[in-house]
Amino acid sequence: MNREVTQLLKDPALRKQLESTGLQIAAPMTPEAFAGYVRAESARYAKLLPQLGIRGE
C-alpha cells in the first residue's frame, strides 16, 4: 500500500486536488520510518499531555 500511495502522490493533478482541500502532504516514508515517527511522536505526547493537565482515559 505504501508503494501505491507514494506512486499516486506523484501525480500533480491529484496533489493539487488534495491540497485544495487543505491537506498537507508529508514527504514519503518507508513503513519502518513511519513506525519510528509514530513511536517518537507517542513518546513526545506522553510527556507533553501531563504537563498540560490532559489525562488519557
C-alpha atoms as a PDB file:
ATOM      1  CA  MET A   1       0.000   0.000   0.000  1.00  0.00           C
ATOM      2  CA  ASN A   2       2.864   2.369   0.840  1.00  0.00           C
ATOM      3  CA  ARG A   3       4.343   1.907  -2.626  1.00  0.00           C
ATOM      4  CA  GLU A   4       0.987   2.537  -4.319  1.00  0.00           C
ATOM      5  CA  VAL A   5       0.170   5.666  -2.304  1.00  0.00           C
ATOM      6  CA  THR A   6       3.666   7.037  -2.910  1.00  0.00           C
ATOM      7  CA  GLN A   7       3.200   6.474  -6.638  1.00  0.00           C
ATOM      8  CA  LEU A   8      -0.248   8.100  -6.645  1.00  0.00           C
ATOM      9  CA  LEU A   9       1.055  11.187  -4.878  1.00  0.00           C
ATOM     10  CA  LYS A  10       3.496  11.806  -7.725  1.00  0.00           C
ATOM     11  CA  ASP A  11       0.512  12.857  -9.861  1.00  0.00           C
ATOM     12  CA  PRO A  12       0.448  16.696  -9.852  1.00  0.00           C
ATOM     13  CA  ALA A  13      -3.316  16.816 -10.516  1.00  0.00           C
ATOM     14  CA  LEU A  14      -4.062  14.574  -7.539  1.00  0.00           C
ATOM     15  CA  ARG A  15      -1.708  16.539  -5.287  1.00  0.00           C
ATOM     16  CA  LYS A  16      -3.367  19.789  -6.345  1.00  0.00           C
ATOM     17  CA  GLN A  17      -6.822  18.373  -5.656  1.00  0.00           C
ATOM     18  CA  LEU A  18      -5.816  17.085  -2.214  1.00  0.00           C
ATOM     19  CA  GLU A  19      -4.024  20.299  -1.297  1.00  0.00           C
ATOM     20  CA  SER A  20      -7.060  22.348  -2.362  1.00  0.00           C
ATOM     21  CA  THR A  21      -8.971  20.690   0.492  1.00  0.00           C
ATOM     22  CA  GLY A  22      -6.331  21.826   2.979  1.00  0.00           C
ATOM     23  CA  LEU A  23      -4.491  18.520   3.137  1.00  0.00           C
ATOM     24  CA  GLN A  24      -0.774  18.851   3.763  1.00  0.00           C
ATOM     25  CA  ILE A  25       1.093  16.032   2.058  1.00  0.00           C
ATOM     26  CA  ALA A  26       4.034  14.697   4.027  1.00  0.00           C
ATOM     27  CA  ALA A  27       7.245  13.546   2.424  1.00  0.00           C
ATOM     28  CA  PRO A  28       7.170   9.847   1.554  1.00  0.00           C
ATOM     29  CA  MET A  29       8.477   7.450   4.214  1.00  0.00           C
ATOM     30  CA  THR A  30       9.206   3.776   4.324  1.00  0.00           C
ATOM     31  CA  PRO A  31       6.964   1.736   6.632  1.00  0.00           C
ATOM     32  CA  GLU A  32       9.903   1.441   9.031  1.00  0.00           C
ATOM     33  CA  ALA A  33      10.499   5.203   9.051  1.00  0.00           C
ATOM     34  CA  PHE A  34       6.789   5.838   9.638  1.00  0.00           C
ATOM     35  CA  ALA A  35       6.772   3.390  12.565  1.00  0.00           C
ATOM     36  CA  GLY A  36       9.729   5.268  14.060  1.00  0.00           C
ATOM     37  CA  TYR A  37       7.938   8.574  13.574  1.00  0.00           C
ATOM     38  CA  VAL A  38       4.828   7.257  15.334  1.00  0.00           C
ATOM     39  CA  ARG A  39       6.929   5.950  18.252  1.00  0.00           C
ATOM     40  CA  ALA A  40       8.738   9.281  18.605  1.00  0.00           C
ATOM     41  CA  GLU A  41       5.503  11.293  18.485  1.00  0.00           C
ATOM     42  CA  SER A  42       3.858   8.968  21.015  1.00  0.00           C
ATOM     43  CA  ALA A  43       6.767   9.461  23.407  1.00  0.00           C
ATOM     44  CA  ARG A  44       6.665  13.215  22.873  1.00  0.00           C
ATOM     45  CA  TYR A  45       2.958  13.484  23.603  1.00  0.00           C
ATOM     46  CA  ALA A  46       3.204  11.091  26.551  1.00  0.00           C
ATOM     47  CA  LYS A  47       5.462  13.708  28.187  1.00  0.00           C
ATOM     48  CA  LEU A  48       3.552  16.768  26.992  1.00  0.00           C
ATOM     49  CA  LEU A  49      -0.026  15.838  27.875  1.00  0.00           C
ATOM     50  CA  PRO A  50       0.512  15.545  31.655  1.00  0.00           C
ATOM     51  CA  GLN A  51       2.302  18.896  31.620  1.00  0.00           C
ATOM     52  CA  LEU A  52      -0.820  20.388  30.055  1.00  0.00           C
ATOM     53  CA  GLY A  53      -3.087  18.649  32.558  1.00  0.00           C
ATOM     54  CA  ILE A  54      -4.612  16.375  29.909  1.00  0.00           C
ATOM     55  CA  ARG A  55      -5.279  12.829  31.067  1.00  0.00           C
ATOM     56  CA  GLY A  56      -5.800   9.871  28.800  1.00  0.00           C
ATOM     57  CA  GLU A  57      -8.755   7.654  29.630  1.00  0.00           C
END
